[in-house]
């Protein structure tokens, strides 16, 4: 496998994770009553959409084809989030727990890729920027979770 193809494949894995995260946040937005949480989830969805655009640009620069949708696993996670919210007495807390779980899974994927020291500096810095934003989102979600529990 060519170097450019190898990098693009790894970036495509993150790209579909970002599609899944964006859809997850939009799903969460529709399952909460709090205006603050709605705004928070809307900002996170927008941020993940921006991450996806940045990753698509990098993949295209390597002459490869970016993925154009999320994963089955992501779809199942969103359905699980909706189902848990339906049967929970505090659906906002449940939705925040699932958002944290999803973000922690994303963070792990970013960390795994960043640990590989064969990435070009532009991609490495992009991934570090995304990682920092994900960590910030997790911390904010944990604060929100404490407030609604």
Protein backbone atom coordinates (compact mmCIF):
# COMPACT_ATOMS: atom_id res chain seq x y z
CA UNK A 1 0.00 0.00 0.00
CA UNK A 2 1.27 3.46 -0.90
CA UNK A 3 2.06 5.92 1.89
CA UNK A 4 -0.64 8.36 0.68
CA UNK A 5 -3.22 5.58 0.57
CA UNK A 6 -2.26 4.39 4.05
CA UNK A 7 -2.64 7.89 5.52
CA UNK A 8 -5.91 8.46 3.67
CA UNK A 9 -7.33 5.18 5.00
CA UNK A 10 -6.52 6.24 8.56
CA UNK A 11 -7.98 9.70 8.01
CA UNK A 12 -11.09 8.13 6.47
CA UNK A 13 -11.58 6.15 9.70
CA UNK A 14 -11.58 9.42 11.64
CA UNK A 15 -13.78 11.05 9.01
CA UNK A 16 -16.57 8.51 9.46
CA UNK A 17 -16.23 8.85 13.25
CA UNK A 18 -16.80 12.58 12.83
CA UNK A 19 -19.85 11.97 10.62
CA UNK A 20 -21.18 9.66 13.35
CA UNK A 21 -20.44 12.22 16.09
CA UNK A 22 -22.14 15.02 14.15
CA UNK A 23 -25.25 12.89 13.64
CA UNK A 24 -25.13 11.81 17.28
CA UNK A 25 -25.10 15.39 18.49
CA UNK A 26 -27.97 16.29 16.17
CA UNK A 27 -29.88 13.30 17.54
CA UNK A 28 -29.11 14.40 21.11
CA UNK A 29 -30.29 17.92 20.28
CA UNK A 30 -33.72 16.50 19.42
CA UNK A 31 -33.96 14.50 22.65
CA UNK A 32 -33.38 17.18 25.29
CA UNK A 33 -35.57 19.97 26.60
CA UNK A 34 -32.92 22.31 27.99
CA UNK A 35 -32.14 25.21 25.69
CA UNK A 36 -28.57 25.29 27.03
CA UNK A 37 -28.05 21.63 26.12
CA UNK A 38 -29.67 22.13 22.73
CA UNK A 39 -27.23 24.96 22.01
CA UNK A 40 -24.30 22.93 23.34
CA UNK A 41 -25.18 19.92 21.14
CA UNK A 42 -25.72 22.17 18.13
CA UNK A 43 -22.23 23.69 18.59
CA UNK A 44 -20.68 20.23 18.96
CA UNK A 45 -22.44 19.01 15.79
CA UNK A 46 -21.18 22.06 13.92
CA UNK A 47 -17.66 21.52 15.26
CA UNK A 48 -17.68 17.88 14.15
CA UNK A 49 -18.95 18.94 10.72
CA UNK A 50 -15.97 21.28 10.48
CA UNK A 51 -13.61 18.49 11.55
CA UNK A 52 -15.05 16.33 8.77
CA UNK A 53 -14.47 19.08 6.19
CA UNK A 54 -10.87 19.47 7.31
CA UNK A 55 -10.26 15.72 7.13
CA UNK A 56 -11.90 15.50 3.69
CA UNK A 57 -9.57 18.25 2.47
CA UNK A 58 -6.51 16.37 3.74
CA UNK A 59 -7.65 13.11 2.13
CA UNK A 60 -8.26 14.84 -1.20
CA UNK A 61 -4.79 16.43 -1.03
CA UNK A 62 -3.37 12.90 -0.99
CA UNK A 63 -5.31 12.09 -4.15
CA UNK A 64 -7.64 9.68 -2.40
CA UNK A 65 -11.44 9.50 -2.13
CA UNK A 66 -13.00 10.54 1.21
CA UNK A 67 -15.81 8.48 2.71
CA UNK A 68 -19.20 10.14 2.51
CA UNK A 69 -21.20 8.69 5.40
CA UNK A 70 -21.01 7.30 8.91
CA UNK A 71 -20.93 3.73 10.16
CA UNK A 72 -23.50 1.13 11.08
CA UNK A 73 -22.03 1.10 14.59
CA UNK A 74 -22.60 4.86 14.86
CA UNK A 75 -26.19 4.45 13.73
CA UNK A 76 -26.74 1.75 16.35
CA UNK A 77 -25.24 4.01 19.06
CA UNK A 78 -27.65 6.83 18.12
CA UNK A 79 -30.60 4.42 18.21
CA UNK A 80 -29.45 3.15 21.61
CA UNK A 81 -29.19 6.75 22.85
CA UNK A 82 -32.76 7.48 21.75
CA UNK A 83 -34.08 4.26 23.24
CA UNK A 84 -32.38 4.87 26.61
CA UNK A 85 -33.69 8.44 26.66
CA UNK A 86 -37.23 7.22 26.00
CA UNK A 87 -37.22 4.89 29.01
CA UNK A 88 -35.22 7.03 31.41
CA UNK A 89 -36.61 9.35 34.07
CA UNK A 90 -33.74 11.78 33.43
CA UNK A 91 -33.17 11.60 29.70
CA UNK A 92 -30.78 14.57 29.65
CA UNK A 93 -28.39 12.78 32.00
CA UNK A 94 -28.60 9.59 29.91
CA UNK A 95 -27.97 11.48 26.70
CA UNK A 96 -24.97 13.25 28.22
CA UNK A 97 -23.59 9.90 29.43
CA UNK A 98 -23.87 8.51 25.91
CA UNK A 99 -22.32 11.64 24.41
CA UNK A 100 -19.38 11.28 26.79
CA UNK A 101 -19.03 7.61 25.89
CA UNK A 102 -19.02 8.44 22.18
CA UNK A 103 -16.49 11.23 22.61
CA UNK A 104 -14.20 9.03 24.69
CA UNK A 105 -14.26 6.44 21.87
CA UNK A 106 -13.38 9.20 19.38
CA UNK A 107 -10.61 10.43 21.62
CA UNK A 108 -9.12 6.94 21.74
CA UNK A 109 -9.08 6.78 17.92
CA UNK A 110 -7.41 10.18 17.68
CA UNK A 111 -4.83 9.18 20.32
CA UNK A 112 -4.03 5.96 18.47
CA UNK A 113 -3.41 7.82 15.22
CA UNK A 114 -1.42 10.63 16.85
CA UNK A 115 0.86 8.04 18.49
CA UNK A 116 1.93 6.90 15.04
CA UNK A 117 4.91 9.07 14.33
CA UNK A 118 4.75 8.76 10.55
CA UNK A 119 2.21 11.52 9.92
CA UNK A 120 3.05 14.69 8.06
CA UNK A 121 3.24 17.74 10.39
CA UNK A 122 0.12 19.36 8.89
CA UNK A 123 -1.99 16.29 9.65
CA UNK A 124 -0.43 15.80 13.07
CA UNK A 125 -1.24 19.38 14.10
CA UNK A 126 -4.78 19.06 12.72
CA UNK A 127 -5.37 15.89 14.74
CA UNK A 128 -3.96 17.46 17.90
CA UNK A 129 -6.31 20.44 17.41
CA UNK A 130 -9.29 18.09 17.00
CA UNK A 131 -8.20 16.04 20.02
CA UNK A 132 -8.00 19.14 22.23
CA UNK A 133 -11.51 20.17 21.19
CA UNK A 134 -12.83 16.67 21.94
CA UNK A 135 -11.21 16.70 25.40
CA UNK A 136 -12.79 20.09 26.04
CA UNK A 137 -16.20 18.77 24.93
CA UNK A 138 -15.88 15.75 27.24
CA UNK A 139 -15.04 18.02 30.19
CA UNK A 140 -17.99 20.31 29.43
CA UNK A 141 -20.33 17.32 29.04
CA UNK A 142 -19.23 16.02 32.44
CA UNK A 143 -20.03 19.40 34.02
CA UNK A 144 -23.46 19.42 32.34
CA UNK A 145 -24.04 15.84 33.52
CA UNK A 146 -23.32 16.86 37.13
CA UNK A 147 -25.78 19.73 36.83
CA UNK A 148 -28.66 17.60 35.53
CA UNK A 149 -28.14 14.58 37.82
